[in-house]
């Protein structure tokens, strides 16, 4: 079971709110979220309510300043998260991982099936673009840049015909992807 604690102030100060699962609007409990502690499990946090906006993957650990989460999680200067507004617990997955990535939206164009992490779709498959996918097994993190960098997007089993339509994300294409393993 996952457990995440949100704090109004940096460095785990001020009022707090604890969640063991999905929370669609953290601001109904706190005026803002400036730091986070993940005690158990893995979570995606979002900068807008209802699992919308920019997304960041968090595993067990302490994040004393939400505005620095991008640099702490390998996103570099991709964006600065002002506050966390919603979160989604990522369930443990045991079994195989399978995803099909497509060159164009609506599952069209060149297609490749993956069962393992891929640092660069362009280098591995000479795929110039990836704008949709079909997750058949497992949970995956998609990244807009090679080597698991840049903005992130969480996908679970299902069809994703346009990355632009996934929760208000600013990601329209991906360049690398990683399996979310059970080591959270």
Protein backbone atom coordinates (compact mmCIF):
# COMPACT_ATOMS: atom_id res chain seq x y z
CA UNK A 1 0.00 0.00 0.00
CA UNK A 2 1.32 3.45 -0.89
CA UNK A 3 1.56 6.43 1.40
CA UNK A 4 2.34 10.03 0.46
CA UNK A 5 2.24 13.11 2.68
CA UNK A 6 1.86 16.65 1.35
CA UNK A 7 2.92 19.72 3.34
CA UNK A 8 1.88 23.34 2.86
CA UNK A 9 5.36 24.71 3.49
CA UNK A 10 8.83 23.75 2.28
CA UNK A 11 10.92 21.37 4.40
CA UNK A 12 7.87 19.43 5.62
CA UNK A 13 6.44 22.30 7.65
CA UNK A 14 2.88 23.55 8.13
CA UNK A 15 -0.35 21.64 7.75
CA UNK A 16 -0.19 18.25 6.10
CA UNK A 17 -2.44 15.89 4.16
CA UNK A 18 -1.82 12.15 3.85
CA UNK A 19 -3.03 9.90 1.03
CA UNK A 20 -2.84 6.17 0.39
CA UNK A 21 -4.22 6.33 -3.13
CA UNK A 22 -5.47 8.73 -5.76
CA UNK A 23 -6.30 12.31 -4.74
CA UNK A 24 -7.96 14.40 -7.45
CA UNK A 25 -7.79 17.75 -5.61
CA UNK A 26 -5.21 18.18 -2.85
CA UNK A 27 -6.17 21.84 -2.51
CA UNK A 28 -9.47 20.81 -0.97
CA UNK A 29 -7.30 19.78 2.04
CA UNK A 30 -4.39 22.28 1.86
CA UNK A 31 -4.07 25.83 0.54
CA UNK A 32 -0.90 24.81 -1.34
CA UNK A 33 1.64 22.00 -1.45
CA UNK A 34 5.29 22.99 -1.13
CA UNK A 35 6.96 19.73 0.00
CA UNK A 36 6.24 16.00 -0.20
CA UNK A 37 7.31 12.82 1.54
CA UNK A 38 6.68 9.43 -0.07
CA UNK A 39 6.83 6.78 2.67
CA UNK A 40 5.82 3.82 0.55
CA UNK A 41 4.97 3.11 -3.06
CA UNK A 42 5.20 5.17 -6.25
CA UNK A 43 3.07 8.14 -7.25
CA UNK A 44 2.57 10.50 -10.16
CA UNK A 45 1.98 14.05 -9.01
CA UNK A 46 0.31 16.69 -11.18
CA UNK A 47 0.38 20.48 -11.10
CA UNK A 48 -3.37 20.73 -11.82
CA UNK A 49 -6.44 19.06 -10.26
CA UNK A 50 -8.01 15.87 -11.64
CA UNK A 51 -4.69 14.35 -12.77
CA UNK A 52 -4.05 17.10 -15.34
CA UNK A 53 -1.09 19.19 -16.32
CA UNK A 54 2.60 18.51 -15.91
CA UNK A 55 3.40 15.17 -14.30
CA UNK A 56 6.32 14.00 -12.18
CA UNK A 57 7.05 10.45 -11.01
CA UNK A 58 7.94 10.17 -7.31
CA UNK A 59 9.24 7.10 -5.53
CA UNK A 60 10.01 6.62 -1.86
CA UNK A 61 11.89 9.65 -0.57
CA UNK A 62 11.70 13.22 0.65
CA UNK A 63 11.15 16.21 -1.61
CA UNK A 64 11.71 19.30 0.56
CA UNK A 65 10.88 21.84 -2.17
CA UNK A 66 8.27 21.13 -4.84
CA UNK A 67 9.73 23.86 -7.06
CA UNK A 68 12.95 21.82 -7.32
CA UNK A 69 11.28 18.49 -8.13
CA UNK A 70 12.11 18.84 -11.84
CA UNK A 71 15.85 18.96 -11.20
CA UNK A 72 15.70 16.25 -8.51
CA UNK A 73 13.91 13.77 -10.77
CA UNK A 74 16.07 14.19 -13.87
CA UNK A 75 13.79 16.55 -15.74
CA UNK A 76 16.37 19.32 -15.80
CA UNK A 77 14.96 22.69 -16.73
CA UNK A 78 11.90 21.24 -18.45
CA UNK A 79 9.54 23.18 -16.20
CA UNK A 80 9.14 24.41 -12.67
CA UNK A 81 6.30 22.93 -10.65
CA UNK A 82 4.74 25.64 -8.46
CA UNK A 83 2.51 23.34 -6.44
CA UNK A 84 1.07 19.84 -6.53
CA UNK A 85 -2.68 19.76 -7.08
CA UNK A 86 -3.41 16.02 -7.53
CA UNK A 87 -1.70 12.63 -7.29
CA UNK A 88 -2.20 9.10 -8.56
CA UNK A 89 -0.82 5.99 -6.88
CA UNK A 90 0.85 3.63 -9.33
CA UNK A 91 -0.19 0.05 -8.55
CA UNK A 92 2.39 -2.70 -8.36
CA UNK A 93 2.61 -4.74 -11.53
CA UNK A 94 3.95 -8.26 -11.65
CA UNK A 95 4.33 -9.83 -15.02
CA UNK A 96 5.47 -8.85 -18.45
CA UNK A 97 5.62 -5.38 -19.95
CA UNK A 98 4.47 -4.66 -23.50
CA UNK A 99 3.81 -1.43 -25.35
CA UNK A 100 3.38 -0.55 -29.01
CA UNK A 101 4.58 2.89 -30.06
CA UNK A 102 3.36 4.60 -33.21
CA UNK A 103 4.92 7.30 -35.33
CA UNK A 104 1.69 9.31 -35.70
CA UNK A 105 -1.46 10.04 -33.76
CA UNK A 106 -4.39 7.58 -33.83
CA UNK A 107 -2.05 4.56 -33.75
CA UNK A 108 -0.92 5.19 -37.34
CA UNK A 109 2.40 5.09 -39.14
CA UNK A 110 5.47 3.07 -38.27
CA UNK A 111 4.88 0.80 -35.24
CA UNK A 112 7.31 -0.94 -32.88
CA UNK A 113 6.63 -3.21 -29.93
CA UNK A 114 8.75 -2.94 -26.79
CA UNK A 115 9.05 -5.11 -23.71
CA UNK A 116 11.95 -3.25 -22.09
CA UNK A 117 13.15 0.31 -21.49
CA UNK A 118 14.25 2.34 -24.51
CA UNK A 119 16.64 5.31 -24.13
CA UNK A 120 16.06 6.60 -27.66
CA UNK A 121 13.34 5.57 -30.10
CA UNK A 122 15.11 7.45 -32.87
CA UNK A 123 18.44 5.67 -32.40
CA UNK A 124 16.93 2.23 -31.82
CA UNK A 125 14.25 2.22 -34.52
CA UNK A 126 15.16 5.25 -36.69
CA UNK A 127 11.74 6.51 -35.70
CA UNK A 128 11.54 10.25 -36.28
CA UNK A 129 8.47 10.80 -34.13
CA UNK A 130 6.24 8.99 -31.65
CA UNK A 131 2.80 10.50 -31.10
CA UNK A 132 0.62 7.61 -29.85
CA UNK A 133 0.89 4.23 -28.14
CA UNK A 134 -1.00 1.15 -27.01
CA UNK A 135 0.01 -0.20 -23.60
CA UNK A 136 -0.83 -3.89 -23.47
CA UNK A 137 0.92 -4.87 -20.22
CA UNK A 138 2.44 -2.97 -17.32
CA UNK A 139 2.82 0.66 -16.37
CA UNK A 140 5.20 2.96 -18.25
CA UNK A 141 6.76 6.40 -18.02
CA UNK A 142 7.10 8.25 -21.32
CA UNK A 143 9.65 11.04 -21.72
CA UNK A 144 9.79 13.82 -24.29
CA UNK A 145 13.60 13.65 -24.56
CA UNK A 146 16.14 10.85 -25.02
CA UNK A 147 17.75 9.16 -22.01
CA UNK A 148 14.62 9.46 -19.84
CA UNK A 149 14.76 13.28 -19.62
CA UNK A 150 12.30 16.09 -20.08
CA UNK A 151 8.61 16.11 -19.28
CA UNK A 152 7.09 12.85 -18.17
CA UNK A 153 3.81 11.11 -18.81
CA UNK A 154 2.37 8.07 -17.01
CA UNK A 155 0.47 5.47 -19.03
CA UNK A 156 -1.22 2.26 -17.94
CA UNK A 157 -2.91 -0.42 -20.09
CA UNK A 158 -5.00 1.14 -22.82
CA UNK A 159 -4.81 3.06 -26.09
CA UNK A 160 -3.39 6.57 -26.19
CA UNK A 161 -4.31 7.99 -29.59
CA UNK A 162 -2.83 11.42 -28.95
CA UNK A 163 -0.42 12.35 -26.17
CA UNK A 164 -1.85 15.88 -26.22
CA UNK A 165 -5.14 14.47 -24.94
CA UNK A 166 -3.65 12.84 -21.85
CA UNK A 167 -4.65 14.96 -18.89
CA UNK A 168 -3.72 18.35 -20.25
CA UNK A 169 -0.09 17.32 -20.59
CA UNK A 170 2.18 19.59 -22.59
CA UNK A 171 3.84 16.56 -24.18
CA UNK A 172 2.90 15.92 -27.82
CA UNK A 173 5.56 13.33 -28.71
CA UNK A 174 7.94 11.05 -26.86
CA UNK A 175 11.55 10.03 -27.38
CA UNK A 176 12.20 7.47 -24.61
CA UNK A 177 10.21 5.21 -22.29
CA UNK A 178 10.81 3.26 -19.10
CA UNK A 179 8.91 0.48 -17.34
CA UNK A 180 7.69 1.20 -13.82
CA UNK A 181 9.02 -1.76 -11.92
CA UNK A 182 7.93 -3.12 -8.53
CA UNK A 183 10.91 -1.61 -6.71
CA UNK A 184 9.04 1.45 -5.47
